[in-house]
Amino acid sequence: MEDGWLVRGVTQHGVARVLAVQVTAAAQEVAQAHELGSAATAAAAEGVVATALLAAHIKGEERLTLQLQATEPKVAFIGDINASGHLRARFTPASLPRGFDGRFDGMLFAIKHNAQRELYRGVTEVAQESLASALQRLLVSSSQVPGALRSVVRMGSEGVAFAGGLYVELLPGDHAEPPADPNTLLDLEHLEIAVMALYDEFRLGTLPVDVLECQPIVWRCSCSRDRVANILRSLGATELRDMHRTDDGALVSCDFCRTDYRFDGSELLDLIEEIP
């Protein structure tokens, strides 16, 4: 499946900044890794779209994490992306209640951080609304600039057939005919076509767009055997000796990609020797 992308651009005459993402492959990876049912796959795909749109707000060694903690229905989504467009995500539970209409109650968190510290945290309540709707409110409140967000997820016989989205943000300036509401720029009949038009034809509806950057967005988990070994060392010698005595080893599974990392008893003893 074709890798995804994020396009950054500015509409003709500098009226609005435009972001478009296509993350079909990454959304399908999430569904397969966590064996999600159809409704959970669609909800997770919307979270992947939202996470990818937030990639426009990070640079260098920064990462951005989007978390949805919903109480009704009881759902947890976490998406994580770095400035290179490497995205990973997980969604629980694997199935959602019959009749689920795509709306949640709960809290949405957007956290920008680097290896040393947290740089920004945005929080908004989710009240019987979609993740995209809640994220739009969070972005507008944090930037204090009018903006509008739309996402589209189309399911097919084999899972996610398309996952993408658009975000437009009005830019300050003396424009001849600035739109009163950024939602008017996204009043488009076929949103999937509009997303692809930003990539293929550099336009939003009939409005030309000057594309500033096109960045790949790909599913890539940052877990590794070395990282897991570091985590085990951080548990301390006493805990590792207990693992060695009771289980003669350790099994650690990545929450995102579900990869299993096995350490036998002798490897645990080696890790103990490496603890300062």
C-alpha atoms as a PDB file:
ATOM      1  CA  MET A   1       0.000   0.000   0.000  1.00  0.00           C
ATOM      2  CA  GLU A   2       1.242   3.474  -0.895  1.00  0.00           C
ATOM      3  CA  ASP A   3       2.875   5.420   1.924  1.00  0.00           C
ATOM      4  CA  GLY A   4       1.102   8.453   3.291  1.00  0.00           C
ATOM      5  CA  TRP A   5       1.971  12.135   3.191  1.00  0.00           C
ATOM      6  CA  LEU A   6       1.386  15.569   4.676  1.00  0.00           C
ATOM      7  CA  VAL A   7       1.135  18.624   2.415  1.00  0.00           C
ATOM      8  CA  ARG A   8       1.621  22.158   3.738  1.00  0.00           C
ATOM      9  CA  GLY A   9       0.468  25.061   1.612  1.00  0.00           C
ATOM     10  CA  VAL A  10      -0.993  28.564   1.454  1.00  0.00           C
ATOM     11  CA  THR A  11      -4.056  29.472  -0.561  1.00  0.00           C
ATOM     12  CA  GLN A  12      -3.869  32.039  -3.323  1.00  0.00           C
ATOM     13  CA  HIS A  13      -3.251  35.579  -2.017  1.00  0.00           C
ATOM     14  CA  GLY A  14      -2.261  34.203   1.402  1.00  0.00           C
ATOM     15  CA  VAL A  15      -5.778  33.929   2.781  1.00  0.00           C
ATOM     16  CA  ALA A  16      -5.277  30.660   4.668  1.00  0.00           C
ATOM     17  CA  ARG A  17      -2.735  28.045   5.607  1.00  0.00           C
ATOM     18  CA  VAL A  18      -3.719  24.555   4.450  1.00  0.00           C
ATOM     19  CA  LEU A  19      -2.675  21.132   5.739  1.00  0.00           C
ATOM     20  CA  ALA A  20      -3.696  17.902   4.027  1.00  0.00           C
ATOM     21  CA  VAL A  21      -2.836  14.337   5.018  1.00  0.00           C
ATOM     22  CA  GLN A  22      -3.348  10.894   3.537  1.00  0.00           C
ATOM     23  CA  VAL A  23      -2.547   8.093   5.991  1.00  0.00           C
ATOM     24  CA  THR A  24      -4.424   5.072   4.646  1.00  0.00           C
ATOM     25  CA  ALA A  25      -1.519   2.644   5.041  1.00  0.00           C
ATOM     26  CA  ALA A  26      -0.722   3.715   8.613  1.00  0.00           C
ATOM     27  CA  ALA A  27      -4.388   3.428   9.630  1.00  0.00           C
ATOM     28  CA  GLN A  28      -4.540  -0.083   8.204  1.00  0.00           C
ATOM     29  CA  GLU A  29      -1.355  -1.022  10.089  1.00  0.00           C
ATOM     30  CA  VAL A  30      -3.004   0.013  13.368  1.00  0.00           C
ATOM     31  CA  ALA A  31      -6.076  -2.083  12.590  1.00  0.00           C
ATOM     32  CA  GLN A  32      -4.000  -5.153  11.740  1.00  0.00           C
ATOM     33  CA  ALA A  33      -1.575  -4.833  14.656  1.00  0.00           C
ATOM     34  CA  HIS A  34      -4.422  -4.631  17.187  1.00  0.00           C
ATOM     35  CA  GLU A  35      -6.910  -6.883  15.349  1.00  0.00           C
ATOM     36  CA  LEU A  36      -9.601  -4.202  15.389  1.00  0.00           C
ATOM     37  CA  GLY A  37     -13.183  -4.687  14.336  1.00  0.00           C
ATOM     38  CA  SER A  38     -14.742  -2.477  11.672  1.00  0.00           C
ATOM     39  CA  ALA A  39     -16.074   0.292  13.964  1.00  0.00           C
ATOM     40  CA  ALA A  40     -12.877   0.369  16.035  1.00  0.00           C
ATOM     41  CA  THR A  41     -10.803   0.480  12.831  1.00  0.00           C
ATOM     42  CA  ALA A  42     -12.724   3.525  11.591  1.00  0.00           C
ATOM     43  CA  ALA A  43     -12.358   5.295  14.954  1.00  0.00           C
ATOM     44  CA  ALA A  44      -8.637   4.487  15.127  1.00  0.00           C
ATOM     45  CA  ALA A  45      -8.161   5.709  11.555  1.00  0.00           C
ATOM     46  CA  GLU A  46      -9.680   9.066  12.488  1.00  0.00           C
ATOM     47  CA  GLY A  47      -7.165   9.243  15.340  1.00  0.00           C
ATOM     48  CA  VAL A  48      -4.312   8.503  12.939  1.00  0.00           C
ATOM     49  CA  VAL A  49      -5.507  11.320  10.646  1.00  0.00           C
ATOM     50  CA  ALA A  50      -5.598  13.729  13.597  1.00  0.00           C
ATOM     51  CA  THR A  51      -2.128  12.677  14.751  1.00  0.00           C
ATOM     52  CA  ALA A  52      -0.681  13.195  11.261  1.00  0.00           C
ATOM     53  CA  LEU A  53      -2.191  16.691  10.989  1.00  0.00           C
ATOM     54  CA  LEU A  54      -0.424  17.624  14.217  1.00  0.00           C
ATOM     55  CA  ALA A  55       2.946  16.725  12.659  1.00  0.00           C
ATOM     56  CA  ALA A  56       2.929  20.188  11.094  1.00  0.00           C
ATOM     57  CA  HIS A  57       3.564  21.637  14.563  1.00  0.00           C
ATOM     58  CA  ILE A  58       6.844  19.866  15.349  1.00  0.00           C
ATOM     59  CA  LYS A  59      10.427  20.031  14.107  1.00  0.00           C
ATOM     60  CA  GLY A  60      13.896  18.628  14.752  1.00  0.00           C
ATOM     61  CA  GLU A  61      13.946  16.070  17.562  1.00  0.00           C
ATOM     62  CA  GLU A  62      10.440  16.880  18.760  1.00  0.00           C
ATOM     63  CA  ARG A  63       7.609  14.370  18.968  1.00  0.00           C
ATOM     64  CA  LEU A  64       3.891  14.878  19.309  1.00  0.00           C
ATOM     65  CA  THR A  65       1.527  12.542  21.125  1.00  0.00           C
ATOM     66  CA  LEU A  66      -2.253  12.651  20.779  1.00  0.00           C
ATOM     67  CA  GLN A  67      -4.296  10.845  23.427  1.00  0.00           C
ATOM     68  CA  LEU A  68      -8.030  10.256  23.661  1.00  0.00           C
ATOM     69  CA  GLN A  69      -9.298   8.949  26.997  1.00  0.00           C
ATOM     70  CA  ALA A  70     -13.018   8.356  26.505  1.00  0.00           C
ATOM     71  CA  THR A  71     -15.485   7.290  29.165  1.00  0.00           C
ATOM     72  CA  GLU A  72     -18.440   6.752  26.821  1.00  0.00           C
ATOM     73  CA  PRO A  73     -17.813   4.504  25.106  1.00  0.00           C
ATOM     74  CA  LYS A  74     -14.777   3.398  27.127  1.00  0.00           C
ATOM     75  CA  VAL A  75     -11.956   3.865  24.620  1.00  0.00           C
ATOM     76  CA  ALA A  76      -8.261   4.706  24.692  1.00  0.00           C
ATOM     77  CA  PHE A  77      -6.359   5.948  21.640  1.00  0.00           C
ATOM     78  CA  ILE A  78      -2.754   7.099  21.535  1.00  0.00           C
ATOM     79  CA  GLY A  79      -0.977   8.311  18.414  1.00  0.00           C
ATOM     80  CA  ASP A  80       2.673   9.313  18.340  1.00  0.00           C
ATOM     81  CA  ILE A  81       4.590  11.005  15.511  1.00  0.00           C
ATOM     82  CA  ASN A  82       8.017  12.589  15.061  1.00  0.00           C
ATOM     83  CA  ALA A  83       9.195  15.405  12.788  1.00  0.00           C
ATOM     84  CA  SER A  84      10.295  12.872  10.141  1.00  0.00           C
ATOM     85  CA  GLY A  85       6.720  11.651   9.779  1.00  0.00           C
ATOM     86  CA  HIS A  86       7.231   8.303  11.537  1.00  0.00           C
ATOM     87  CA  LEU A  87       3.856   7.479  13.076  1.00  0.00           C
ATOM     88  CA  ARG A  88       2.637   4.764  15.405  1.00  0.00           C
ATOM     89  CA  ALA A  89      -0.666   4.329  17.231  1.00  0.00           C
ATOM     90  CA  ARG A  90      -2.784   1.967  19.283  1.00  0.00           C
ATOM     91  CA  PHE A  91      -6.487   1.713  20.013  1.00  0.00           C
ATOM     92  CA  THR A  92      -8.447  -0.240  22.619  1.00  0.00           C
ATOM     93  CA  PRO A  93     -10.794  -2.045  22.809  1.00  0.00           C
ATOM     94  CA  ALA A  94     -10.767  -4.089  19.595  1.00  0.00           C
ATOM     95  CA  SER A  95     -14.541  -3.792  19.201  1.00  0.00           C
ATOM     96  CA  LEU A  96     -17.030  -1.031  19.955  1.00  0.00           C
ATOM     97  CA  PRO A  97     -20.668  -1.228  21.087  1.00  0.00           C
ATOM     98  CA  ARG A  98     -23.293  -1.861  18.437  1.00  0.00           C
ATOM     99  CA  GLY A  99     -24.776   1.406  17.250  1.00  0.00           C
ATOM    100  CA  PHE A 100     -21.625   3.457  17.940  1.00  0.00           C
ATOM    101  CA  ASP A 101     -22.009   6.708  15.985  1.00  0.00           C
ATOM    102  CA  GLY A 102     -18.426   8.020  16.071  1.00  0.00           C
ATOM    103  CA  ARG A 103     -18.959  10.371  19.024  1.00  0.00           C
ATOM    104  CA  PHE A 104     -17.209  10.223  22.380  1.00  0.00           C
ATOM    105  CA  ASP A 105     -17.316  11.655  25.891  1.00  0.00           C
ATOM    106  CA  GLY A 106     -13.947  12.110  27.572  1.00  0.00           C
ATOM    107  CA  MET A 107     -10.734  14.118  27.319  1.00  0.00           C
ATOM    108  CA  LEU A 108      -8.316  14.816  24.460  1.00  0.00           C
ATOM    109  CA  PHE A 109      -4.631  15.592  25.074  1.00  0.00           C
ATOM    110  CA  ALA A 110      -2.026  16.898  22.604  1.00  0.00           C
ATOM    111  CA  ILE A 111       1.505  16.768  24.024  1.00  0.00           C
ATOM    112  CA  LYS A 112       4.641  18.067  22.300  1.00  0.00           C
ATOM    113  CA  HIS A 113       7.911  16.832  23.786  1.00  0.00           C
ATOM    114  CA  ASN A 114      11.512  15.943  23.089  1.00  0.00           C
ATOM    115  CA  ALA A 115      13.850  13.441  24.741  1.00  0.00           C
ATOM    116  CA  GLN A 116      14.475  15.822  27.664  1.00  0.00           C
ATOM    117  CA  ARG A 117      11.126  17.353  28.563  1.00  0.00           C
ATOM    118  CA  GLU A 118       7.539  18.185  27.745  1.00  0.00           C
ATOM    119  CA  LEU A 119       7.273  21.365  25.648  1.00  0.00           C
ATOM    120  CA  TYR A 120       3.519  21.883  25.389  1.00  0.00           C
ATOM    121  CA  ARG A 121       0.301  20.264  26.553  1.00  0.00           C
ATOM    122  CA  GLY A 122      -3.134  21.084  25.211  1.00  0.00           C
ATOM    123  CA  VAL A 123      -6.240  19.595  26.822  1.00  0.00           C
ATOM    124  CA  THR A 124      -9.872  19.784  25.779  1.00  0.00           C
ATOM    125  CA  GLU A 125     -13.067  18.065  26.827  1.00  0.00           C
ATOM    126  CA  VAL A 126     -14.754  15.770  24.335  1.00  0.00           C
ATOM    127  CA  ALA A 127     -18.523  16.015  24.754  1.00  0.00           C
ATOM    128  CA  GLN A 128     -20.577  13.765  22.483  1.00  0.00           C
ATOM    129  CA  GLU A 129     -18.467  14.676  19.449  1.00  0.00           C
ATOM    130  CA  SER A 130     -15.987  13.186  17.040  1.00  0.00           C
ATOM    131  CA  LEU A 131     -12.259  13.262  17.639  1.00  0.00           C
ATOM    132  CA  ALA A 132     -11.858  15.625  14.669  1.00  0.00           C
ATOM    133  CA  SER A 133     -14.352  18.084  16.120  1.00  0.00           C
ATOM    134  CA  ALA A 134     -12.603  18.085  19.499  1.00  0.00           C
ATOM    135  CA  LEU A 135      -9.182  18.513  17.877  1.00  0.00           C
ATOM    136  CA  GLN A 136     -10.432  21.504  15.888  1.00  0.00           C
ATOM    137  CA  ARG A 137     -11.492  23.229  19.115  1.00  0.00           C
ATOM    138  CA  LEU A 138      -8.148  22.419  20.720  1.00  0.00           C
ATOM    139  CA  LEU A 139      -6.165  23.848  17.774  1.00  0.00           C
ATOM    140  CA  VAL A 140      -8.259  26.999  17.560  1.00  0.00           C
ATOM    141  CA  SER A 141      -8.086  27.654  21.303  1.00  0.00           C
ATOM    142  CA  SER A 142      -4.314  27.144  21.414  1.00  0.00           C
ATOM    143  CA  SER A 143      -3.519  29.316  18.365  1.00  0.00           C
ATOM    144  CA  GLN A 144      -6.313  31.870  18.822  1.00  0.00           C
ATOM    145  CA  VAL A 145      -6.703  31.815  15.022  1.00  0.00           C
ATOM    146  CA  PRO A 146      -9.928  30.732  13.251  1.00  0.00           C
ATOM    147  CA  GLY A 147      -9.517  27.251  11.799  1.00  0.00           C
ATOM    148  CA  ALA A 148     -11.546  24.311  10.515  1.00  0.00           C
ATOM    149  CA  LEU A 149     -10.765  20.599  10.363  1.00  0.00           C
ATOM    150  CA  ARG A 150     -12.327  17.759   8.393  1.00  0.00           C
ATOM    151  CA  SER A 151     -11.395  14.092   8.280  1.00  0.00           C
ATOM    152  CA  VAL A 152     -12.670  11.272   6.083  1.00  0.00           C
ATOM    153  CA  VAL A 153     -12.345   7.532   6.610  1.00  0.00           C
ATOM    154  CA  ARG A 154     -13.721   5.178   3.973  1.00  0.00           C
ATOM    155  CA  MET A 155     -13.910   1.505   4.787  1.00  0.00           C
ATOM    156  CA  GLY A 156     -13.550  -1.243   2.190  1.00  0.00           C
ATOM    157  CA  SER A 157     -13.882  -5.009   2.123  1.00  0.00           C
ATOM    158  CA  GLU A 158     -10.306  -5.443   3.391  1.00  0.00           C
ATOM    159  CA  GLY A 159     -10.220  -2.645   5.968  1.00  0.00           C
ATOM    160  CA  VAL A 160      -9.300   1.009   5.510  1.00  0.00           C
ATOM    161  CA  ALA A 161      -9.740   2.040   1.872  1.00  0.00           C
ATOM    162  CA  PHE A 162      -8.935   5.713   2.518  1.00  0.00           C
ATOM    163  CA  ALA A 163      -7.994   7.836   5.546  1.00  0.00           C
ATOM    164  CA  GLY A 164      -7.213  11.513   5.175  1.00  0.00           C
ATOM    165  CA  GLY A 165      -8.034  14.999   6.337  1.00  0.00           C
ATOM    166  CA  LEU A 166      -7.731  18.740   5.870  1.00  0.00           C
ATOM    167  CA  TYR A 167      -7.079  21.636   8.233  1.00  0.00           C
ATOM    168  CA  VAL A 168      -7.316  25.286   7.190  1.00  0.00           C
ATOM    169  CA  GLU A 169      -6.330  28.255   9.321  1.00  0.00           C
ATOM    170  CA  LEU A 170      -7.016  31.868   8.375  1.00  0.00           C
ATOM    171  CA  LEU A 171      -3.906  34.016   8.095  1.00  0.00           C
ATOM    172  CA  PRO A 172      -3.722  37.651   9.258  1.00  0.00           C
ATOM    173  CA  GLY A 173      -3.455  40.297   6.572  1.00  0.00           C
ATOM    174  CA  ASP A 174      -5.346  42.776   4.438  1.00  0.00           C
ATOM    175  CA  HIS A 175      -7.141  40.471   2.029  1.00  0.00           C
ATOM    176  CA  ALA A 176      -9.580  41.734  -0.578  1.00  0.00           C
ATOM    177  CA  GLU A 177     -12.222  39.124   0.228  1.00  0.00           C
ATOM    178  CA  PRO A 178     -11.202  37.088   3.264  1.00  0.00           C
ATOM    179  CA  PRO A 179     -13.696  34.349   4.203  1.00  0.00           C
ATOM    180  CA  ALA A 180     -15.670  35.183   7.313  1.00  0.00           C
ATOM    181  CA  ASP A 181     -15.506  31.563   8.428  1.00  0.00           C
ATOM    182  CA  PRO A 182     -12.733  29.046   7.626  1.00  0.00           C
ATOM    183  CA  ASN A 183     -15.418  26.348   7.439  1.00  0.00           C
ATOM    184  CA  THR A 184     -16.507  27.846   4.119  1.00  0.00           C
ATOM    185  CA  LEU A 185     -13.157  26.793   2.632  1.00  0.00           C
ATOM    186  CA  LEU A 186     -13.933  23.183   3.579  1.00  0.00           C
ATOM    187  CA  ASP A 187     -17.540  23.202   2.376  1.00  0.00           C
ATOM    188  CA  LEU A 188     -16.625  20.589  -0.211  1.00  0.00           C
ATOM    189  CA  GLU A 189     -18.873  17.907  -1.622  1.00  0.00           C
ATOM    190  CA  HIS A 190     -16.193  15.225  -1.979  1.00  0.00           C
ATOM    191  CA  LEU A 191     -13.657  15.525   0.827  1.00  0.00           C
ATOM    192  CA  GLU A 192     -11.562  12.543  -0.298  1.00  0.00           C
ATOM    193  CA  ILE A 193     -11.134  14.137  -3.730  1.00  0.00           C
ATOM    194  CA  ALA A 194     -10.257  17.459  -2.084  1.00  0.00           C
ATOM    195  CA  VAL A 195      -7.520  15.837   0.002  1.00  0.00           C
ATOM    196  CA  MET A 196      -5.953  14.227  -3.069  1.00  0.00           C
ATOM    197  CA  ALA A 197      -6.260  17.469  -5.066  1.00  0.00           C
ATOM    198  CA  LEU A 198      -3.912  19.189  -2.608  1.00  0.00           C
ATOM    199  CA  TYR A 199      -1.294  16.546  -3.454  1.00  0.00           C
ATOM    200  CA  ASP A 200      -1.932  16.132  -7.185  1.00  0.00           C
ATOM    201  CA  GLU A 201      -3.239  19.482  -8.405  1.00  0.00           C
ATOM    202  CA  PHE A 202      -2.334  21.995  -5.673  1.00  0.00           C
ATOM    203  CA  ARG A 203      -5.851  23.300  -5.193  1.00  0.00           C
ATOM    204  CA  LEU A 204      -8.570  23.353  -2.536  1.00  0.00           C
ATOM    205  CA  GLY A 205     -11.837  23.062  -4.382  1.00  0.00           C
ATOM    206  CA  THR A 206     -11.449  25.727  -7.061  1.00  0.00           C
ATOM    207  CA  LEU A 207      -8.939  27.731  -5.016  1.00  0.00           C
ATOM    208  CA  PRO A 208      -5.275  27.434  -6.106  1.00  0.00           C
ATOM    209  CA  VAL A 209      -2.785  26.535  -3.369  1.00  0.00           C
ATOM    210  CA  ASP A 210       0.948  27.237  -3.276  1.00  0.00           C
ATOM    211  CA  VAL A 211       2.468  24.054  -1.844  1.00  0.00           C
ATOM    212  CA  LEU A 212       5.344  24.771   0.546  1.00  0.00           C
ATOM    213  CA  GLU A 213       6.283  21.224   1.515  1.00  0.00           C
ATOM    214  CA  CYS A 214       5.247  17.615   0.985  1.00  0.00           C
ATOM    215  CA  GLN A 215       6.420  15.229   3.712  1.00  0.00           C
ATOM    216  CA  PRO A 216       6.022  11.441   3.843  1.00  0.00           C
ATOM    217  CA  ILE A 217       4.002   9.946   6.700  1.00  0.00           C
ATOM    218  CA  VAL A 218       4.777   6.277   7.352  1.00  0.00           C
ATOM    219  CA  TRP A 219       3.994   3.715  10.009  1.00  0.00           C
ATOM    220  CA  ARG A 220       7.179   3.074  11.951  1.00  0.00           C
ATOM    221  CA  CYS A 221       7.453   1.947  15.547  1.00  0.00           C
ATOM    222  CA  SER A 222      10.424   3.214  17.538  1.00  0.00           C
ATOM    223  CA  CYS A 223      10.703   0.094  19.674  1.00  0.00           C
ATOM    224  CA  SER A 224      13.847  -2.065  19.473  1.00  0.00           C
ATOM    225  CA  ARG A 225      15.589  -4.781  21.422  1.00  0.00           C
ATOM    226  CA  ASP A 226      18.126  -2.252  22.704  1.00  0.00           C
ATOM    227  CA  ARG A 227      15.352   0.032  23.994  1.00  0.00           C
ATOM    228  CA  VAL A 228      13.664  -2.859  25.754  1.00  0.00           C
ATOM    229  CA  ALA A 229      16.992  -3.883  27.293  1.00  0.00           C
ATOM    230  CA  ASN A 230      17.367  -0.352  28.660  1.00  0.00           C
ATOM    231  CA  ILE A 231      13.900  -0.579  30.194  1.00  0.00           C
ATOM    232  CA  LEU A 232      14.751  -3.878  31.843  1.00  0.00           C
ATOM    233  CA  ARG A 233      18.003  -2.463  33.243  1.00  0.00           C
ATOM    234  CA  SER A 234      16.030   0.438  34.708  1.00  0.00           C
ATOM    235  CA  LEU A 235      14.013  -2.035  36.803  1.00  0.00           C
ATOM    236  CA  GLY A 236      17.121  -2.729  38.863  1.00  0.00           C
ATOM    237  CA  ALA A 237      19.086  -5.835  39.775  1.00  0.00           C
ATOM    238  CA  THR A 238      16.628  -7.095  42.419  1.00  0.00           C
ATOM    239  CA  GLU A 239      13.680  -7.152  40.011  1.00  0.00           C
ATOM    240  CA  LEU A 240      15.720  -8.810  37.271  1.00  0.00           C
ATOM    241  CA  ARG A 241      16.949 -11.505  39.689  1.00  0.00           C
ATOM    242  CA  ASP A 242      13.319 -12.213  40.625  1.00  0.00           C
ATOM    243  CA  MET A 243      12.468 -12.612  36.920  1.00  0.00           C
ATOM    244  CA  HIS A 244      15.418 -14.928  36.481  1.00  0.00           C
ATOM    245  CA  ARG A 245      14.451 -17.038  39.513  1.00  0.00           C
ATOM    246  CA  THR A 246      10.699 -17.296  38.821  1.00  0.00           C
ATOM    247  CA  ASP A 247      10.499 -17.270  34.995  1.00  0.00           C
ATOM    248  CA  ASP A 248      14.095 -17.858  33.853  1.00  0.00           C
ATOM    249  CA  GLY A 249      13.621 -14.971  31.453  1.00  0.00           C
ATOM    250  CA  ALA A 250      11.378 -12.086  30.414  1.00  0.00           C
ATOM    251  CA  LEU A 251       8.891 -11.392  27.638  1.00  0.00           C
ATOM    252  CA  VAL A 252       8.136  -7.759  26.732  1.00  0.00           C
ATOM    253  CA  SER A 253       5.553  -6.846  24.083  1.00  0.00           C
ATOM    254  CA  CYS A 254       5.395  -3.420  22.405  1.00  0.00           C
ATOM    255  CA  ASP A 255       2.040  -1.732  23.018  1.00  0.00           C
ATOM    256  CA  PHE A 256       2.090  -0.208  19.519  1.00  0.00           C
ATOM    257  CA  CYS A 257       3.353  -2.814  17.041  1.00  0.00           C
ATOM    258  CA  ARG A 258       2.825  -5.901  19.266  1.00  0.00           C
ATOM    259  CA  THR A 259       6.365  -7.143  18.642  1.00  0.00           C
ATOM    260  CA  ASP A 260       7.554  -9.589  21.318  1.00  0.00           C
ATOM    261  CA  TYR A 261      11.066  -9.280  22.755  1.00  0.00           C
ATOM    262  CA  ARG A 262      12.272 -12.368  24.624  1.00  0.00           C
ATOM    263  CA  PHE A 263      15.212 -12.396  27.037  1.00  0.00           C
ATOM    264  CA  ASP A 264      16.289 -15.746  28.434  1.00  0.00           C
ATOM    265  CA  GLY A 265      17.760 -16.257  31.894  1.00  0.00           C
ATOM    266  CA  SER A 266      21.390 -15.844  30.831  1.00  0.00           C
ATOM    267  CA  GLU A 267      20.536 -12.583  29.075  1.00  0.00           C
ATOM    268  CA  LEU A 268      18.927 -11.258  32.238  1.00  0.00           C
ATOM    269  CA  LEU A 269      22.093 -12.071  34.152  1.00  0.00           C
ATOM    270  CA  ASP A 270      24.096 -10.165  31.516  1.00  0.00           C
ATOM    271  CA  LEU A 271      21.802  -7.149  31.981  1.00  0.00           C
ATOM    272  CA  ILE A 272      22.333  -7.284  35.732  1.00  0.00           C
ATOM    273  CA  GLU A 273      26.100  -7.164  35.186  1.00  0.00           C
ATOM    274  CA  GLU A 274      25.660  -4.022  33.069  1.00  0.00           C
ATOM    275  CA  ILE A 275      23.759  -2.102  35.776  1.00  0.00           C
ATOM    276  CA  PRO A 276      26.099   0.554  37.304  1.00  0.00           C
END
